C-alpha atoms as a PDB file:
ATOM      1  CA  UNK A   1     139.250 135.477  44.586  1.00  0.00           C
ATOM      2  CA  UNK A   2     135.769 135.263  46.152  1.00  0.00           C
ATOM      3  CA  UNK A   3     134.151 138.102  47.978  1.00  0.00           C
ATOM      4  CA  UNK A   4     133.125 137.637  51.638  1.00  0.00           C
ATOM      5  CA  UNK A   5     129.423 136.985  50.911  1.00  0.00           C
ATOM      6  CA  UNK A   6     130.287 134.230  48.432  1.00  0.00           C
ATOM      7  CA  UNK A   7     132.668 132.640  50.956  1.00  0.00           C
ATOM      8  CA  UNK A   8     129.945 132.620  53.617  1.00  0.00           C
ATOM      9  CA  UNK A   9     127.500 131.056  51.161  1.00  0.00           C
ATOM     10  CA  UNK A  10     130.043 128.387  50.189  1.00  0.00           C
ATOM     11  CA  UNK A  11     130.706 127.533  53.850  1.00  0.00           C
ATOM     12  CA  UNK A  12     126.947 127.375  54.560  1.00  0.00           C
ATOM     13  CA  UNK A  13     126.338 125.000  51.646  1.00  0.00           C
ATOM     14  CA  UNK A  14     129.296 122.800  52.607  1.00  0.00           C
ATOM     15  CA  UNK A  15     128.015 122.524  56.186  1.00  0.00           C
ATOM     16  CA  UNK A  16     124.542 121.551  54.947  1.00  0.00           C
ATOM     17  CA  UNK A  17     125.977 118.959  52.586  1.00  0.00           C
ATOM     18  CA  UNK A  18     128.283 117.518  55.262  1.00  0.00           C
ATOM     19  CA  UNK A  19     125.418 117.264  57.756  1.00  0.00           C
ATOM     20  CA  UNK A  20     123.176 115.576  55.184  1.00  0.00           C
ATOM     21  CA  UNK A  21     125.839 112.967  54.398  1.00  0.00           C
ATOM     22  CA  UNK A  22     127.064 112.387  57.956  1.00  0.00           C
ATOM     23  CA  UNK A  23     123.734 112.031  59.765  1.00  0.00           C
ATOM     24  CA  UNK A  24     121.078 109.421  58.918  1.00  0.00           C
ATOM     25  CA  UNK A  25     117.537 110.677  58.336  1.00  0.00           C
ATOM     26  CA  UNK A  26     115.446 110.981  61.485  1.00  0.00           C
ATOM     27  CA  UNK A  27     113.016 108.195  62.256  1.00  0.00           C
ATOM     28  CA  UNK A  28     109.369 109.011  62.846  1.00  0.00           C
ATOM     29  CA  UNK A  29     107.960 108.629  66.339  1.00  0.00           C
ATOM     30  CA  UNK A  30     106.470 105.243  67.141  1.00  0.00           C
ATOM     31  CA  UNK A  31     103.825 106.814  69.380  1.00  0.00           C
ATOM     32  CA  UNK A  32     102.233 110.221  69.813  1.00  0.00           C
ATOM     33  CA  UNK A  33     104.073 112.740  71.933  1.00  0.00           C
ATOM     34  CA  UNK A  34     102.367 113.387  75.266  1.00  0.00           C
ATOM     35  CA  UNK A  35     103.030 115.042  78.593  1.00  0.00           C
ATOM     36  CA  UNK A  36     104.717 112.589  80.953  1.00  0.00           C
ATOM     37  CA  UNK A  37     102.967 111.502  84.117  1.00  0.00           C
ATOM     38  CA  UNK A  38     104.882 112.277  87.304  1.00  0.00           C
ATOM     39  CA  UNK A  39     106.623 109.259  88.792  1.00  0.00           C
ATOM     40  CA  UNK A  40     104.732 107.964  91.808  1.00  0.00           C
ATOM     41  CA  UNK A  41     106.242 105.977  94.653  1.00  0.00           C
ATOM     42  CA  UNK A  42     104.907 102.587  95.652  1.00  0.00           C
ATOM     43  CA  UNK A  43     102.423 102.727  98.530  1.00  0.00           C
ATOM     44  CA  UNK A  44     104.379 102.702 101.780  1.00  0.00           C
ATOM     45  CA  UNK A  45     103.482 101.111 105.095  1.00  0.00           C
ATOM     46  CA  UNK A  46     102.696 103.895 107.489  1.00  0.00           C
ATOM     47  CA  UNK A  47     103.064 103.683 111.250  1.00  0.00           C
ATOM     48  CA  UNK A  48      99.830 102.762 113.065  1.00  0.00           C
ATOM     49  CA  UNK A  49      97.598 105.740 113.590  1.00  0.00           C
ATOM     50  CA  UNK A  50      96.147 104.601 116.943  1.00  0.00           C
ATOM     51  CA  UNK A  51      98.996 105.785 119.133  1.00  0.00           C
ATOM     52  CA  UNK A  52      96.706 106.822 121.992  1.00  0.00           C
ATOM     53  CA  UNK A  53      95.524 103.272 122.821  1.00  0.00           C
ATOM     54  CA  UNK A  54      97.149 101.349 125.643  1.00  0.00           C
ATOM     55  CA  UNK A  55      99.658  98.608 124.928  1.00  0.00           C
ATOM     56  CA  UNK A  56      98.473  95.180 126.042  1.00  0.00           C
ATOM     57  CA  UNK A  57     100.752  92.236 126.837  1.00  0.00           C
ATOM     58  CA  UNK A  58      99.815  88.719 127.822  1.00  0.00           C
ATOM     59  CA  UNK A  59     102.313  86.266 129.309  1.00  0.00           C
ATOM     60  CA  UNK A  60     101.741  82.582 128.819  1.00  0.00           C
ATOM     61  CA  UNK A  61     103.481  79.795 130.696  1.00  0.00           C
ATOM     62  CA  UNK A  62     104.135  76.486 129.070  1.00  0.00           C
ATOM     63  CA  UNK A  63     104.380  73.265 131.102  1.00  0.00           C
END
């Protein structure tokens, strides 16, 4: 017995009311919203850069 516009309005109001009752109110942010810093890796141990030097070995004898 309702026209189509009234049905749409009734459905819209029921959805709003259901959402208001089902979901708790949103909490405010605890801190200001900012752009995130990119994640950086820990400093890594790099291979020695002096690859052109000669390798030196020394053999020791023990009595």
